[in-house]
Amino acid sequence: LADLEQRIGPRVRLANDADCFALSEASDGAGADHHTV
């Protein structure tokens, strides 16, 4: 994260790829209508 911020500025967030999967499906995927996914 620190190395990327040096190159492109403080506009980067990192997450585990499984976390990203969960967030995608909870945002507008199969879990979008559920409180906890």
Full PDB file with SEQRES, HELIX, SHEET, SSBOND, CRYST1, ORIGX, SCALE, CONECT and MASTER records, all heavy atoms in Angstrom:
SEQRES   1 A   37  LEU ALA ASP LEU GLU GLN ARG ILE GLY PRO ARG VAL ARG          
SEQRES   2 A   37  LEU ALA ASN ASP ALA ASP CYS PHE ALA LEU SER GLU ALA          
SEQRES   3 A   37  SER ASP GLY ALA GLY ALA ASP HIS HIS THR VAL                  
HELIX    1 AA1 ALA A    2  ILE A    8  1                                   7    
HELIX    2 AA2 ASP A   17  ASP A   28  1                                  12    
CRYST1    1.000    1.000    1.000  90.00  90.00  90.00 P 1           1          
ORIGX1      1.000000  0.000000  0.000000        0.00000                         
ORIGX2      0.000000  1.000000  0.000000        0.00000                         
ORIGX3      0.000000  0.000000  1.000000        0.00000                         
SCALE1      1.000000  0.000000  0.000000        0.00000                         
SCALE2      0.000000  1.000000  0.000000        0.00000                         
SCALE3      0.000000  0.000000  1.000000        0.00000                         
ATOM      1  N   LEU A   1       0.828  -1.208   0.000  1.00  0.00           N  
ATOM      2  CA  LEU A   1       0.000   0.000   0.000  1.00  0.00           C  
ATOM      3  C   LEU A   1       0.859   1.252   0.000  1.00  0.00           C  
ATOM      4  O   LEU A   1       0.616   2.176  -0.788  1.00  0.00           O  
ATOM      5  CB  LEU A   1      -0.934  -0.001   1.210  1.00  0.00           C  
ATOM      6  CG  LEU A   1      -1.841   1.225   1.346  1.00  0.00           C  
ATOM      7  CD1 LEU A   1      -2.758   1.349   0.138  1.00  0.00           C  
ATOM      8  CD2 LEU A   1      -2.659   1.146   2.634  1.00  0.00           C  
ATOM      9  N   ALA A   2       1.859   1.306   0.857  1.00  0.00           N  
ATOM     10  CA  ALA A   2       2.720   2.485   0.926  1.00  0.00           C  
ATOM     11  C   ALA A   2       3.454   2.712  -0.390  1.00  0.00           C  
ATOM     12  O   ALA A   2       3.579   3.855  -0.867  1.00  0.00           O  
ATOM     13  CB  ALA A   2       3.717   2.342   2.075  1.00  0.00           C  
ATOM     14  N   ASP A   3       3.930   1.633  -1.003  1.00  0.00           N  
ATOM     15  CA  ASP A   3       4.652   1.776  -2.273  1.00  0.00           C  
ATOM     16  C   ASP A   3       3.734   2.265  -3.379  1.00  0.00           C  
ATOM     17  O   ASP A   3       4.135   3.079  -4.227  1.00  0.00           O  
ATOM     18  CB  ASP A   3       5.286   0.443  -2.660  1.00  0.00           C  
ATOM     19  CG  ASP A   3       6.495   0.095  -1.798  1.00  0.00           C  
ATOM     20  OD1 ASP A   3       7.037   1.011  -1.146  1.00  0.00           O  
ATOM     21  OD2 ASP A   3       6.889  -1.095  -1.779  1.00  0.00           O  
ATOM     22  N   LEU A   4       2.491   1.772  -3.403  1.00  0.00           N  
ATOM     23  CA  LEU A   4       1.550   2.233  -4.425  1.00  0.00           C  
ATOM     24  C   LEU A   4       1.147   3.688  -4.191  1.00  0.00           C  
ATOM     25  O   LEU A   4       0.986   4.452  -5.150  1.00  0.00           O  
ATOM     26  CB  LEU A   4       0.317   1.335  -4.433  1.00  0.00           C  
ATOM     27  CG  LEU A   4       0.526  -0.067  -5.013  1.00  0.00           C  
ATOM     28  CD1 LEU A   4      -0.707  -0.923  -4.789  1.00  0.00           C  
ATOM     29  CD2 LEU A   4       0.854   0.008  -6.500  1.00  0.00           C  
ATOM     30  N   GLU A   5       0.981   4.068  -2.941  1.00  0.00           N  
ATOM     31  CA  GLU A   5       0.632   5.464  -2.647  1.00  0.00           C  
ATOM     32  C   GLU A   5       1.739   6.415  -3.097  1.00  0.00           C  
ATOM     33  O   GLU A   5       1.470   7.536  -3.514  1.00  0.00           O  
ATOM     34  CB  GLU A   5       0.342   5.630  -1.164  1.00  0.00           C  
ATOM     35  CG  GLU A   5      -0.994   5.032  -0.745  1.00  0.00           C  
ATOM     36  CD  GLU A   5      -1.287   5.242   0.722  1.00  0.00           C  
ATOM     37  OE1 GLU A   5      -0.316   5.403   1.509  1.00  0.00           O  
ATOM     38  OE2 GLU A   5      -2.480   5.253   1.093  1.00  0.00           O  
ATOM     39  N   GLN A   6       2.983   5.976  -3.022  1.00  0.00           N  
ATOM     40  CA  GLN A   6       4.085   6.806  -3.499  1.00  0.00           C  
ATOM     41  C   GLN A   6       3.996   7.031  -5.000  1.00  0.00           C  
ATOM     42  O   GLN A   6       4.376   8.088  -5.504  1.00  0.00           O  
ATOM     43  CB  GLN A   6       5.425   6.154  -3.160  1.00  0.00           C  
ATOM     44  CG  GLN A   6       5.839   6.304  -1.701  1.00  0.00           C  
ATOM     45  CD  GLN A   6       7.263   5.822  -1.461  1.00  0.00           C  
ATOM     46  OE1 GLN A   6       7.859   5.162  -2.320  1.00  0.00           O  
ATOM     47  NE2 GLN A   6       7.809   6.153  -0.308  1.00  0.00           N  
ATOM     48  N   ARG A   7       3.466   6.041  -5.708  1.00  0.00           N  
ATOM     49  CA  ARG A   7       3.420   6.113  -7.167  1.00  0.00           C  
ATOM     50  C   ARG A   7       2.161   6.809  -7.687  1.00  0.00           C  
ATOM     51  O   ARG A   7       2.243   7.547  -8.672  1.00  0.00           O  
ATOM     52  CB  ARG A   7       3.520   4.709  -7.771  1.00  0.00           C  
ATOM     53  CG  ARG A   7       4.900   4.083  -7.602  1.00  0.00           C  
ATOM     54  CD  ARG A   7       4.897   2.627  -8.066  1.00  0.00           C  
ATOM     55  NE  ARG A   7       6.212   2.042  -7.932  1.00  0.00           N  
ATOM     56  CZ  ARG A   7       6.998   1.696  -8.960  1.00  0.00           C  
ATOM     57  NH1 ARG A   7       6.581   1.892 -10.195  1.00  0.00           N  
ATOM     58  NH2 ARG A   7       8.173   1.167  -8.747  1.00  0.00           N  
ATOM     59  N   ILE A   8       1.017   6.566  -7.035  1.00  0.00           N  
ATOM     60  CA  ILE A   8      -0.230   7.098  -7.608  1.00  0.00           C  
ATOM     61  C   ILE A   8      -1.034   7.944  -6.625  1.00  0.00           C  
ATOM     62  O   ILE A   8      -2.129   8.387  -6.960  1.00  0.00           O  
ATOM     63  CB  ILE A   8      -1.115   5.961  -8.163  1.00  0.00           C  
ATOM     64  CG1 ILE A   8      -1.537   5.008  -7.056  1.00  0.00           C  
ATOM     65  CG2 ILE A   8      -0.394   5.215  -9.275  1.00  0.00           C  
ATOM     66  CD1 ILE A   8      -2.463   3.900  -7.542  1.00  0.00           C  
ATOM     67  N   GLY A   9      -0.494   8.158  -5.432  1.00  0.00           N  
ATOM     68  CA  GLY A   9      -1.176   9.026  -4.481  1.00  0.00           C  
ATOM     69  C   GLY A   9      -2.050   8.273  -3.506  1.00  0.00           C  
ATOM     70  O   GLY A   9      -2.264   7.062  -3.638  1.00  0.00           O  
ATOM     71  N   PRO A  10      -2.601   8.988  -2.507  1.00  0.00           N  
ATOM     72  CA  PRO A  10      -3.395   8.357  -1.431  1.00  0.00           C  
ATOM     73  C   PRO A  10      -4.834   8.082  -1.845  1.00  0.00           C  
ATOM     74  O   PRO A  10      -5.784   8.556  -1.235  1.00  0.00           O  
ATOM     75  CB  PRO A  10      -3.324   9.399  -0.313  1.00  0.00           C  
ATOM     76  CG  PRO A  10      -3.238  10.694  -1.044  1.00  0.00           C  
ATOM     77  CD  PRO A  10      -2.402  10.425  -2.271  1.00  0.00           C  
ATOM     78  N   ARG A  11      -4.986   7.302  -2.876  1.00  0.00           N  
ATOM     79  CA  ARG A  11      -6.323   6.960  -3.369  1.00  0.00           C  
ATOM     80  C   ARG A  11      -6.445   5.458  -3.601  1.00  0.00           C  
ATOM     81  O   ARG A  11      -7.203   5.012  -4.452  1.00  0.00           O  
ATOM     82  CB  ARG A  11      -6.643   7.724  -4.650  1.00  0.00           C  
ATOM     83  CG  ARG A  11      -5.573   7.573  -5.755  1.00  0.00           C  
ATOM     84  CD  ARG A  11      -5.935   8.403  -6.979  1.00  0.00           C  
ATOM     85  NE  ARG A  11      -4.874   8.433  -7.970  1.00  0.00           N  
ATOM     86  CZ  ARG A  11      -5.004   8.006  -9.230  1.00  0.00           C  
ATOM     87  NH1 ARG A  11      -6.156   7.492  -9.631  1.00  0.00           N  
ATOM     88  NH2 ARG A  11      -4.012   8.107 -10.074  1.00  0.00           N  
ATOM     89  N   VAL A  12      -5.681   4.687  -2.826  1.00  0.00           N  
ATOM     90  CA  VAL A  12      -5.636   3.240  -2.995  1.00  0.00           C  
ATOM     91  C   VAL A  12      -6.157   2.555  -1.742  1.00  0.00           C  
ATOM     92  O   VAL A  12      -5.819   2.949  -0.620  1.00  0.00           O  
ATOM     93  CB  VAL A  12      -4.196   2.750  -3.264  1.00  0.00           C  
ATOM     94  CG1 VAL A  12      -4.189   1.248  -3.530  1.00  0.00           C  
ATOM     95  CG2 VAL A  12      -3.572   3.511  -4.417  1.00  0.00           C  
ATOM     96  N   ARG A  13      -6.972   1.523  -1.925  1.00  0.00           N  
ATOM     97  CA  ARG A  13      -7.373   0.636  -0.838  1.00  0.00           C  
ATOM     98  C   ARG A  13      -7.093  -0.796  -1.260  1.00  0.00           C  
ATOM     99  O   ARG A  13      -7.298  -1.162  -2.415  1.00  0.00           O  
ATOM    100  CB  ARG A  13      -8.855   0.808  -0.491  1.00  0.00           C  
ATOM    101  CG  ARG A  13      -9.164   2.148   0.177  1.00  0.00           C  
ATOM    102  CD  ARG A  13     -10.611   2.270   0.589  1.00  0.00           C  
ATOM    103  NE  ARG A  13     -10.847   3.557   1.245  1.00  0.00           N  
ATOM    104  CZ  ARG A  13     -12.040   3.976   1.667  1.00  0.00           C  
ATOM    105  NH1 ARG A  13     -13.109   3.213   1.520  1.00  0.00           N  
ATOM    106  NH2 ARG A  13     -12.162   5.157   2.252  1.00  0.00           N  
ATOM    107  N   LEU A  14      -6.629  -1.592  -0.294  1.00  0.00           N  
ATOM    108  CA  LEU A  14      -6.328  -3.002  -0.529  1.00  0.00           C  
ATOM    109  C   LEU A  14      -7.262  -3.881   0.288  1.00  0.00           C  
ATOM    110  O   LEU A  14      -7.665  -3.509   1.388  1.00  0.00           O  
ATOM    111  CB  LEU A  14      -4.887  -3.330  -0.115  1.00  0.00           C  
ATOM    112  CG  LEU A  14      -3.739  -2.580  -0.772  1.00  0.00           C  
ATOM    113  CD1 LEU A  14      -2.415  -3.053  -0.163  1.00  0.00           C  
ATOM    114  CD2 LEU A  14      -3.733  -2.789  -2.276  1.00  0.00           C  
ATOM    115  N   ALA A  15      -7.582  -5.042  -0.254  1.00  0.00           N  
ATOM    116  CA  ALA A  15      -8.352  -6.027   0.500  1.00  0.00           C  
ATOM    117  C   ALA A  15      -8.038  -7.409  -0.048  1.00  0.00           C  
ATOM    118  O   ALA A  15      -7.620  -7.566  -1.209  1.00  0.00           O  
ATOM    119  CB  ALA A  15      -9.844  -5.749   0.416  1.00  0.00           C  
ATOM    120  N   ASN A  16      -8.244  -8.404   0.790  1.00  0.00           N  
ATOM    121  CA  ASN A  16      -8.119  -9.786   0.350  1.00  0.00           C  
ATOM    122  C   ASN A  16      -9.100 -10.064  -0.780  1.00  0.00           C  
ATOM    123  O   ASN A  16     -10.209  -9.524  -0.807  1.00  0.00           O  
ATOM    124  CB  ASN A  16      -8.385 -10.701   1.546  1.00  0.00           C  
ATOM    125  CG  ASN A  16      -8.338 -12.164   1.178  1.00  0.00           C  
ATOM    126  OD1 ASN A  16      -9.367 -12.769   0.897  1.00  0.00           O  
ATOM    127  ND2 ASN A  16      -7.153 -12.742   1.171  1.00  0.00           N  
ATOM    128  N   ASP A  17      -8.719 -10.916  -1.721  1.00  0.00           N  
ATOM    129  CA  ASP A  17      -9.584 -11.162  -2.879  1.00  0.00           C  
ATOM    130  C   ASP A  17     -10.909 -11.811  -2.481  1.00  0.00           C  
ATOM    131  O   ASP A  17     -11.945 -11.551  -3.110  1.00  0.00           O  
ATOM    132  CB  ASP A  17      -8.871 -11.980  -3.950  1.00  0.00           C  
ATOM    133  CG  ASP A  17      -8.116 -13.184  -3.414  1.00  0.00           C  
ATOM    134  OD1 ASP A  17      -8.316 -13.556  -2.239  1.00  0.00           O  
ATOM    135  OD2 ASP A  17      -7.307 -13.757  -4.167  1.00  0.00           O  
ATOM    136  N   ALA A  18     -10.906 -12.623  -1.423  1.00  0.00           N  
ATOM    137  CA  ALA A  18     -12.168 -13.203  -0.957  1.00  0.00           C  
ATOM    138  C   ALA A  18     -13.072 -12.129  -0.351  1.00  0.00           C  
ATOM    139  O   ALA A  18     -14.295 -12.167  -0.500  1.00  0.00           O  
ATOM    140  CB  ALA A  18     -11.910 -14.299   0.067  1.00  0.00           C  
ATOM    141  N   ASP A  19     -12.469 -11.146   0.331  1.00  0.00           N  
ATOM    142  CA  ASP A  19     -13.246 -10.020   0.845  1.00  0.00           C  
ATOM    143  C   ASP A  19     -13.893  -9.248  -0.295  1.00  0.00           C  
ATOM    144  O   ASP A  19     -15.052  -8.818  -0.200  1.00  0.00           O  
ATOM    145  CB  ASP A  19     -12.354  -9.072   1.656  1.00  0.00           C  
ATOM    146  CG  ASP A  19     -11.950  -9.651   2.996  1.00  0.00           C  
ATOM    147  OD1 ASP A  19     -12.629 -10.565   3.482  1.00  0.00           O  
ATOM    148  OD2 ASP A  19     -10.947  -9.173   3.559  1.00  0.00           O  
ATOM    149  N   CYS A  20     -13.138  -9.069  -1.373  1.00  0.00           N  
ATOM    150  CA  CYS A  20     -13.676  -8.351  -2.531  1.00  0.00           C  
ATOM    151  C   CYS A  20     -14.837  -9.108  -3.153  1.00  0.00           C  
ATOM    152  O   CYS A  20     -15.843  -8.504  -3.563  1.00  0.00           O  
ATOM    153  CB  CYS A  20     -12.577  -8.114  -3.564  1.00  0.00           C  
ATOM    154  SG  CYS A  20     -11.321  -6.924  -3.032  1.00  0.00           S  
ATOM    155  N   PHE A  21     -14.715 -10.423  -3.226  1.00  0.00           N  
ATOM    156  CA  PHE A  21     -15.825 -11.241  -3.719  1.00  0.00           C  
ATOM    157  C   PHE A  21     -17.069 -11.025  -2.873  1.00  0.00           C  
ATOM    158  O   PHE A  21     -18.168 -10.799  -3.395  1.00  0.00           O  
ATOM    159  CB  PHE A  21     -15.435 -12.719  -3.717  1.00  0.00           C  
ATOM    160  CG  PHE A  21     -16.606 -13.654  -3.864  1.00  0.00           C  
ATOM    161  CD1 PHE A  21     -17.164 -13.885  -5.106  1.00  0.00           C  
ATOM    162  CD2 PHE A  21     -17.175 -14.279  -2.759  1.00  0.00           C  
ATOM    163  CE1 PHE A  21     -18.267 -14.717  -5.252  1.00  0.00           C  
ATOM    164  CE2 PHE A  21     -18.264 -15.110  -2.888  1.00  0.00           C  
ATOM    165  CZ  PHE A  21     -18.816 -15.338  -4.143  1.00  0.00           C  
ATOM    166  N   ALA A  22     -16.910 -11.089  -1.559  1.00  0.00           N  
ATOM    167  CA  ALA A  22     -18.054 -10.927  -0.660  1.00  0.00           C  
ATOM    168  C   ALA A  22     -18.678  -9.546  -0.820  1.00  0.00           C  
ATOM    169  O   ALA A  22     -19.911  -9.407  -0.855  1.00  0.00           O  
ATOM    170  CB  ALA A  22     -17.612 -11.143   0.785  1.00  0.00           C  
ATOM    171  N   LEU A  23     -17.853  -8.515  -0.922  1.00  0.00           N  
ATOM    172  CA  LEU A  23     -18.365  -7.154  -1.059  1.00  0.00           C  
ATOM    173  C   LEU A  23     -19.118  -6.984  -2.372  1.00  0.00           C  
ATOM    174  O   LEU A  23     -20.175  -6.339  -2.417  1.00  0.00           O  
ATOM    175  CB  LEU A  23     -17.215  -6.159  -0.970  1.00  0.00           C  
ATOM    176  CG  LEU A  23     -17.589  -4.686  -1.020  1.00  0.00           C  
ATOM    177  CD1 LEU A  23     -18.563  -4.312   0.094  1.00  0.00           C  
ATOM    178  CD2 LEU A  23     -16.332  -3.814  -0.952  1.00  0.00           C  
ATOM    179  N   SER A  24     -18.603  -7.568  -3.443  1.00  0.00           N  
ATOM    180  CA  SER A  24     -19.278  -7.485  -4.739  1.00  0.00           C  
ATOM    181  C   SER A  24     -20.660  -8.117  -4.683  1.00  0.00           C  
ATOM    182  O   SER A  24     -21.657  -7.517  -5.105  1.00  0.00           O  
ATOM    183  CB  SER A  24     -18.431  -8.181  -5.806  1.00  0.00           C  
ATOM    184  OG  SER A  24     -19.144  -8.298  -7.025  1.00  0.00           O  
ATOM    185  N   GLU A  25     -20.734  -9.330  -4.152  1.00  0.00           N  
ATOM    186  CA  GLU A  25     -22.016 -10.039  -4.131  1.00  0.00           C  
ATOM    187  C   GLU A  25     -23.002  -9.397  -3.161  1.00  0.00           C  
ATOM    188  O   GLU A  25     -24.215  -9.461  -3.368  1.00  0.00           O  
ATOM    189  CB  GLU A  25     -21.792 -11.505  -3.790  1.00  0.00           C  
ATOM    190  CG  GLU A  25     -21.062 -12.280  -4.882  1.00  0.00           C  
ATOM    191  CD  GLU A  25     -21.825 -12.325  -6.202  1.00  0.00           C  
ATOM    192  OE1 GLU A  25     -23.073 -12.342  -6.169  1.00  0.00           O  
ATOM    193  OE2 GLU A  25     -21.178 -12.331  -7.256  1.00  0.00           O  
ATOM    194  N   ALA A  26     -22.490  -8.747  -2.108  1.00  0.00           N  
ATOM    195  CA  ALA A  26     -23.372  -8.048  -1.175  1.00  0.00           C  
ATOM    196  C   ALA A  26     -23.827  -6.704  -1.723  1.00  0.00           C  
ATOM    197  O   ALA A  26     -24.911  -6.221  -1.370  1.00  0.00           O  
ATOM    198  CB  ALA A  26     -22.652  -7.846   0.162  1.00  0.00           C  
ATOM    199  N   SER A  27     -23.025  -6.107  -2.598  1.00  0.00           N  
ATOM    200  CA  SER A  27     -23.348  -4.772  -3.117  1.00  0.00           C  
ATOM    201  C   SER A  27     -24.418  -4.828  -4.204  1.00  0.00           C  
ATOM    202  O   SER A  27     -25.426  -4.125  -4.129  1.00  0.00           O  
ATOM    203  CB  SER A  27     -22.081  -4.103  -3.670  1.00  0.00           C  
ATOM    204  OG  SER A  27     -21.146  -3.873  -2.645  1.00  0.00           O  
ATOM    205  N   ASP A  28     -24.197  -5.648  -5.215  1.00  0.00           N  
ATOM    206  CA  ASP A  28     -25.177  -5.723  -6.308  1.00  0.00           C  
ATOM    207  C   ASP A  28     -25.218  -7.115  -6.922  1.00  0.00           C  
ATOM    208  O   ASP A  28     -25.470  -7.275  -8.109  1.00  0.00           O  
ATOM    209  CB  ASP A  28     -24.884  -4.661  -7.384  1.00  0.00           C  
ATOM    210  CG  ASP A  28     -23.537  -4.844  -8.067  1.00  0.00           C  
ATOM    211  OD1 ASP A  28     -22.750  -5.698  -7.611  1.00  0.00           O  
ATOM    212  OD2 ASP A  28     -23.260  -4.136  -9.052  1.00  0.00           O  
ATOM    213  N   GLY A  29     -24.990  -8.115  -6.086  1.00  0.00           N  
ATOM    214  CA  GLY A  29     -25.003  -9.497  -6.560  1.00  0.00           C  
ATOM    215  C   GLY A  29     -26.039 -10.334  -5.853  1.00  0.00           C  
ATOM    216  O   GLY A  29     -27.107  -9.847  -5.450  1.00  0.00           O  
ATOM    217  N   ALA A  30     -25.721 -11.595  -5.645  1.00  0.00           N  
ATOM    218  CA  ALA A  30     -26.689 -12.536  -5.075  1.00  0.00           C  
ATOM    219  C   ALA A  30     -27.109 -12.180  -3.656  1.00  0.00           C  
ATOM    220  O   ALA A  30     -28.206 -12.530  -3.227  1.00  0.00           O  
ATOM    221  CB  ALA A  30     -26.100 -13.948  -5.098  1.00  0.00           C  
ATOM    222  N   GLY A  31     -26.260 -11.476  -2.916  1.00  0.00           N  
ATOM    223  CA  GLY A  31     -26.574 -11.137  -1.539  1.00  0.00           C  
ATOM    224  C   GLY A  31     -27.057  -9.717  -1.337  1.00  0.00           C  
ATOM    225  O   GLY A  31     -27.139  -9.243  -0.193  1.00  0.00           O  
ATOM    226  N   ALA A  32     -27.405  -9.035  -2.419  1.00  0.00           N  
ATOM    227  CA  ALA A  32     -27.706  -7.598  -2.336  1.00  0.00           C  
ATOM    228  C   ALA A  32     -28.889  -7.277  -1.431  1.00  0.00           C  
ATOM    229  O   ALA A  32     -28.944  -6.188  -0.860  1.00  0.00           O  
ATOM    230  CB  ALA A  32     -27.945  -7.040  -3.736  1.00  0.00           C  
ATOM    231  N   ASP A  33     -29.833  -8.179  -1.275  1.00  0.00           N  
ATOM    232  CA  ASP A  33     -31.024  -7.908  -0.467  1.00  0.00           C  
ATOM    233  C   ASP A  33     -30.904  -8.432   0.964  1.00  0.00           C  
ATOM    234  O   ASP A  33     -31.895  -8.475   1.691  1.00  0.00           O  
ATOM    235  CB  ASP A  33     -32.259  -8.535  -1.126  1.00  0.00           C  
ATOM    236  CG  ASP A  33     -32.563  -7.902  -2.477  1.00  0.00           C  
ATOM    237  OD1 ASP A  33     -32.300  -6.699  -2.633  1.00  0.00           O  
ATOM    238  OD2 ASP A  33     -33.058  -8.627  -3.367  1.00  0.00           O  
ATOM    239  N   HIS A  34     -29.692  -8.800   1.375  1.00  0.00           N  
ATOM    240  CA  HIS A  34     -29.502  -9.412   2.681  1.00  0.00           C  
ATOM    241  C   HIS A  34     -28.659  -8.534   3.594  1.00  0.00           C  
ATOM    242  O   HIS A  34     -27.667  -7.943   3.172  1.00  0.00           O  
ATOM    243  CB  HIS A  34     -28.869 -10.792   2.531  1.00  0.00           C  
ATOM    244  CG  HIS A  34     -29.722 -11.763   1.781  1.00  0.00           C  
ATOM    245  ND1 HIS A  34     -30.716 -12.502   2.388  1.00  0.00           N  
ATOM    246  CD2 HIS A  34     -29.748 -12.102   0.466  1.00  0.00           C  
ATOM    247  CE1 HIS A  34     -31.307 -13.267   1.482  1.00  0.00           C  
ATOM    248  NE2 HIS A  34     -30.743 -13.040   0.298  1.00  0.00           N  
ATOM    249  N   HIS A  35     -29.049  -8.484   4.854  1.00  0.00           N  
ATOM    250  CA  HIS A  35     -28.393  -7.630   5.848  1.00  0.00           C  
ATOM    251  C   HIS A  35     -26.949  -8.062   6.112  1.00  0.00           C  
ATOM    252  O   HIS A  35     -26.031  -7.245   6.154  1.00  0.00           O  
ATOM    253  CB  HIS A  35     -29.207  -7.680   7.143  1.00  0.00           C  
ATOM    254  CG  HIS A  35     -28.537  -7.100   8.339  1.00  0.00           C  
ATOM    255  ND1 HIS A  35     -28.148  -5.782   8.407  1.00  0.00           N  
ATOM    256  CD2 HIS A  35     -28.170  -7.669   9.521  1.00  0.00           C  
ATOM    257  CE1 HIS A  35     -27.574  -5.555   9.587  1.00  0.00           C  
ATOM    258  NE2 HIS A  35     -27.581  -6.690  10.270  1.00  0.00           N  
ATOM    259  N   THR A  36     -26.732  -9.351   6.300  1.00  0.00           N  
ATOM    260  CA  THR A  36     -25.404  -9.890   6.589  1.00  0.00           C  
ATOM    261  C   THR A  36     -25.083 -10.970   5.568  1.00  0.00           C  
ATOM    262  O   THR A  36     -25.854 -11.913   5.397  1.00  0.00           O  
ATOM    263  CB  THR A  36     -25.348 -10.503   8.001  1.00  0.00           C  
ATOM    264  OG1 THR A  36     -25.780  -9.540   8.951  1.00  0.00           O  
ATOM    265  CG2 THR A  36     -23.937 -10.934   8.351  1.00  0.00           C  
ATOM    266  N   VAL A  37     -23.944 -10.830   4.891  1.00  0.00           N  
ATOM    267  CA  VAL A  37     -23.563 -11.767   3.829  1.00  0.00           C  
ATOM    268  C   VAL A  37     -22.187 -12.336   4.123  1.00  0.00           C  
ATOM    269  O   VAL A  37     -21.220 -11.581   4.367  1.00  0.00           O  
ATOM    270  CB  VAL A  37     -23.543 -11.067   2.455  1.00  0.00           C  
ATOM    271  CG1 VAL A  37     -23.065 -12.032   1.365  1.00  0.00           C  
ATOM    272  CG2 VAL A  37     -24.925 -10.522   2.116  1.00  0.00           C  
TER     273      VAL A  37                                                      
MASTER        0    0    0    2    0    0    0    6  272    1    0    3          
END                                                                             
